Amino acid sequence: MIPFQWDVLNNRGNIVIESEREDATIPTEKSHVIENFRIAAGQKEGHHYGWLFQDSDLYKWIEAAANTIALEKDEALVA
């Protein structure tokens, strides 16, 4: 699941984000989480996309990866 979530955060794969209700303010594009960080760091040009709190998805992913590595070293996950 952790590698799959990494792909989601990086807008890779054929992932469809469905709106939970008909509301034009709900983002339905790709995750854009990593892209938002690249934009904030000045590595790319663009504008933040998605919910304001969306960066917490990356923080949760880092926590899950760190906890998994603490239990069992996984070189692919470390990379």
N, C-alpha and C. Protein backbone atom coordinates (compact mmCIF):
# COMPACT_ATOMS: atom_id res chain seq x y z
N MET A 1 0.81 -1.19 0.00
CA MET A 1 0.00 0.00 0.00
C MET A 1 0.87 1.27 0.00
N ILE A 2 1.99 1.23 0.69
CA ILE A 2 2.83 2.42 0.79
C ILE A 2 3.37 2.84 -0.58
N PRO A 3 3.90 1.92 -1.40
CA PRO A 3 4.33 2.32 -2.75
C PRO A 3 3.17 2.84 -3.60
N PHE A 4 2.00 2.24 -3.46
CA PHE A 4 0.83 2.70 -4.19
C PHE A 4 0.48 4.14 -3.81
N GLN A 5 0.49 4.41 -2.52
CA GLN A 5 0.19 5.76 -2.05
C GLN A 5 1.23 6.77 -2.54
N TRP A 6 2.49 6.35 -2.64
CA TRP A 6 3.54 7.23 -3.17
C TRP A 6 3.19 7.62 -4.61
N ASP A 7 2.71 6.64 -5.38
CA ASP A 7 2.31 6.93 -6.76
C ASP A 7 1.13 7.91 -6.78
N VAL A 8 0.20 7.75 -5.87
CA VAL A 8 -0.94 8.68 -5.79
C VAL A 8 -0.45 10.09 -5.49
N LEU A 9 0.43 10.23 -4.52
CA LEU A 9 0.94 11.54 -4.15
C LEU A 9 1.72 12.20 -5.29
N ASN A 10 2.28 11.38 -6.18
CA ASN A 10 3.07 11.87 -7.31
C ASN A 10 2.29 11.89 -8.62
N ASN A 11 0.99 11.70 -8.55
CA ASN A 11 0.11 11.74 -9.74
C ASN A 11 0.46 10.69 -10.77
N ARG A 12 0.98 9.56 -10.33
CA ARG A 12 1.30 8.47 -11.25
C ARG A 12 0.20 7.41 -11.16
N GLY A 13 0.07 6.66 -12.21
CA GLY A 13 -0.92 5.59 -12.22
C GLY A 13 -2.25 6.09 -12.71
N ASN A 14 -3.12 5.18 -12.95
CA ASN A 14 -4.45 5.49 -13.47
C ASN A 14 -5.43 5.59 -12.30
N ILE A 15 -5.33 6.67 -11.57
CA ILE A 15 -6.13 6.85 -10.37
C ILE A 15 -7.19 7.91 -10.63
N VAL A 16 -8.42 7.57 -10.29
CA VAL A 16 -9.53 8.50 -10.47
C VAL A 16 -9.96 8.99 -9.09
N ILE A 17 -10.01 10.28 -8.94
CA ILE A 17 -10.48 10.87 -7.68
C ILE A 17 -11.90 11.35 -7.91
N GLU A 18 -12.82 10.71 -7.25
CA GLU A 18 -14.23 11.02 -7.44
C GLU A 18 -14.70 12.02 -6.40
N SER A 19 -15.59 12.87 -6.81
CA SER A 19 -16.18 13.83 -5.88
C SER A 19 -17.18 13.09 -5.00
N GLU A 20 -17.17 13.42 -3.73
CA GLU A 20 -18.09 12.74 -2.82
C GLU A 20 -19.51 13.28 -2.92
N ARG A 21 -19.65 14.44 -3.54
CA ARG A 21 -20.98 15.02 -3.77
C ARG A 21 -20.85 16.07 -4.86
N GLU A 22 -21.94 16.53 -5.36
CA GLU A 22 -21.89 17.54 -6.42
C GLU A 22 -21.59 18.90 -5.81
N ASP A 23 -20.32 19.25 -5.87
CA ASP A 23 -19.85 20.51 -5.31
C ASP A 23 -18.63 20.92 -6.12
N ALA A 24 -18.73 21.99 -6.86
CA ALA A 24 -17.66 22.42 -7.76
C ALA A 24 -16.38 22.79 -7.02
N THR A 25 -16.45 23.01 -5.71
CA THR A 25 -15.25 23.39 -4.97
C THR A 25 -14.42 22.19 -4.53
N ILE A 26 -14.94 20.98 -4.71
CA ILE A 26 -14.21 19.78 -4.31
C ILE A 26 -13.27 19.38 -5.43
N PRO A 27 -11.96 19.33 -5.17
CA PRO A 27 -11.00 18.95 -6.22
C PRO A 27 -11.22 17.51 -6.68
N THR A 28 -11.17 17.30 -7.99
CA THR A 28 -11.32 15.95 -8.52
C THR A 28 -10.20 15.62 -9.50
N GLU A 29 -9.18 16.46 -9.55
CA GLU A 29 -8.02 16.16 -10.39
C GLU A 29 -7.11 15.21 -9.63
N LYS A 30 -5.94 14.96 -10.18
CA LYS A 30 -4.97 14.11 -9.49
C LYS A 30 -4.59 14.75 -8.15
N SER A 31 -3.90 14.01 -7.34
CA SER A 31 -3.56 14.43 -5.99
C SER A 31 -2.84 15.77 -5.93
N HIS A 32 -1.78 15.92 -6.71
CA HIS A 32 -1.00 17.16 -6.80
C HIS A 32 -0.24 17.47 -5.52
N VAL A 33 -0.16 16.55 -4.59
CA VAL A 33 0.49 16.81 -3.30
C VAL A 33 1.97 17.13 -3.48
N ILE A 34 2.72 16.27 -4.15
CA ILE A 34 4.16 16.51 -4.33
C ILE A 34 4.38 17.73 -5.21
N GLU A 35 3.55 17.91 -6.21
CA GLU A 35 3.67 19.10 -7.07
C GLU A 35 3.49 20.37 -6.25
N ASN A 36 2.56 20.38 -5.31
CA ASN A 36 2.37 21.55 -4.45
C ASN A 36 3.63 21.88 -3.67
N PHE A 37 4.32 20.84 -3.17
CA PHE A 37 5.57 21.06 -2.43
C PHE A 37 6.65 21.59 -3.35
N ARG A 38 6.72 21.08 -4.57
CA ARG A 38 7.73 21.57 -5.52
C ARG A 38 7.47 23.04 -5.87
N ILE A 39 6.21 23.39 -6.01
CA ILE A 39 5.85 24.79 -6.29
C ILE A 39 6.23 25.67 -5.10
N ALA A 40 5.91 25.22 -3.88
CA ALA A 40 6.23 25.99 -2.68
C ALA A 40 7.73 26.15 -2.50
N ALA A 41 8.51 25.15 -2.92
CA ALA A 41 9.97 25.21 -2.78
C ALA A 41 10.63 26.00 -3.90
N GLY A 42 9.85 26.45 -4.88
CA GLY A 42 10.41 27.21 -5.99
C GLY A 42 11.05 26.35 -7.05
N GLN A 43 10.86 25.03 -6.98
CA GLN A 43 11.42 24.12 -7.98
C GLN A 43 10.59 24.09 -9.26
N LYS A 44 9.33 24.47 -9.15
CA LYS A 44 8.43 24.51 -10.30
C LYS A 44 7.58 25.76 -10.19
N GLU A 45 7.06 26.17 -11.29
CA GLU A 45 6.12 27.29 -11.29
C GLU A 45 4.71 26.74 -11.32
N GLY A 46 3.81 27.44 -10.71
CA GLY A 46 2.42 27.02 -10.71
C GLY A 46 1.71 27.54 -9.48
N HIS A 47 0.52 27.04 -9.29
CA HIS A 47 -0.32 27.46 -8.16
C HIS A 47 -0.74 26.23 -7.37
N HIS A 48 -0.92 26.43 -6.08
CA HIS A 48 -1.38 25.34 -5.22
C HIS A 48 -2.70 24.82 -5.76
N TYR A 49 -2.84 23.49 -5.75
CA TYR A 49 -4.10 22.87 -6.17
C TYR A 49 -4.59 21.98 -5.04
N GLY A 50 -5.86 21.99 -4.81
CA GLY A 50 -6.46 21.09 -3.83
C GLY A 50 -6.80 21.81 -2.54
N TRP A 51 -7.15 21.00 -1.56
CA TRP A 51 -7.52 21.54 -0.26
C TRP A 51 -6.30 22.14 0.45
N LEU A 52 -6.54 23.10 1.30
CA LEU A 52 -5.49 23.77 2.04
C LEU A 52 -4.70 22.80 2.92
N PHE A 53 -5.38 21.82 3.49
CA PHE A 53 -4.76 20.88 4.42
C PHE A 53 -4.20 19.63 3.74
N GLN A 54 -4.16 19.63 2.44
CA GLN A 54 -3.78 18.45 1.66
C GLN A 54 -2.33 18.01 1.93
N ASP A 55 -1.47 18.91 2.38
CA ASP A 55 -0.09 18.53 2.66
C ASP A 55 0.00 17.47 3.75
N SER A 56 -1.03 17.36 4.59
CA SER A 56 -0.99 16.36 5.65
C SER A 56 -0.97 14.94 5.07
N ASP A 57 -1.42 14.75 3.83
CA ASP A 57 -1.35 13.43 3.20
C ASP A 57 0.10 12.98 3.09
N LEU A 58 1.00 13.90 2.74
CA LEU A 58 2.42 13.55 2.65
C LEU A 58 2.98 13.25 4.03
N TYR A 59 2.62 14.04 5.02
CA TYR A 59 3.12 13.81 6.38
C TYR A 59 2.66 12.44 6.88
N LYS A 60 1.44 12.06 6.59
CA LYS A 60 0.94 10.74 7.00
C LYS A 60 1.69 9.64 6.26
N TRP A 61 2.02 9.88 4.99
CA TRP A 61 2.77 8.88 4.22
C TRP A 61 4.16 8.70 4.82
N ILE A 62 4.83 9.80 5.16
CA ILE A 62 6.17 9.74 5.77
C ILE A 62 6.10 8.96 7.08
N GLU A 63 5.09 9.21 7.87
CA GLU A 63 4.93 8.49 9.15
C GLU A 63 4.75 6.99 8.91
N ALA A 64 3.92 6.63 7.96
CA ALA A 64 3.69 5.21 7.66
C ALA A 64 4.97 4.55 7.14
N ALA A 65 5.69 5.23 6.27
CA ALA A 65 6.93 4.67 5.73
C ALA A 65 7.97 4.51 6.85
N ALA A 66 8.11 5.51 7.71
CA ALA A 66 9.09 5.44 8.80
C ALA A 66 8.75 4.32 9.78
N ASN A 67 7.48 4.18 10.11
CA ASN A 67 7.08 3.10 11.02
C ASN A 67 7.32 1.74 10.40
N THR A 68 7.08 1.60 9.12
CA THR A 68 7.30 0.33 8.43
C THR A 68 8.79 0.00 8.40
N ILE A 69 9.62 0.98 8.07
CA ILE A 69 11.06 0.76 8.03
C ILE A 69 11.61 0.44 9.42
N ALA A 70 11.03 1.03 10.45
CA ALA A 70 11.47 0.74 11.82
C ALA A 70 11.20 -0.72 12.18
N LEU A 71 10.14 -1.29 11.64
CA LEU A 71 9.81 -2.69 11.92
C LEU A 71 10.63 -3.66 11.09
N GLU A 72 10.85 -3.30 9.84
CA GLU A 72 11.59 -4.18 8.94
C GLU A 72 12.22 -3.34 7.83
N LYS A 73 13.54 -3.38 7.76
CA LYS A 73 14.25 -2.58 6.75
C LYS A 73 13.81 -3.00 5.36
N ASP A 74 13.40 -2.04 4.56
CA ASP A 74 12.93 -2.27 3.20
C ASP A 74 13.70 -1.31 2.30
N GLU A 75 14.70 -1.83 1.61
CA GLU A 75 15.58 -0.97 0.81
C GLU A 75 14.80 -0.20 -0.26
N ALA A 76 13.82 -0.83 -0.87
CA ALA A 76 13.03 -0.13 -1.89
C ALA A 76 12.27 1.04 -1.29
N LEU A 77 11.74 0.85 -0.10
CA LEU A 77 11.01 1.93 0.57
C LEU A 77 11.98 3.03 1.02
N VAL A 78 13.15 2.65 1.49
CA VAL A 78 14.16 3.64 1.88
C VAL A 78 14.53 4.50 0.68
N ALA A 79 14.70 3.86 -0.47
CA ALA A 79 15.08 4.60 -1.69
C ALA A 79 13.97 5.58 -2.06
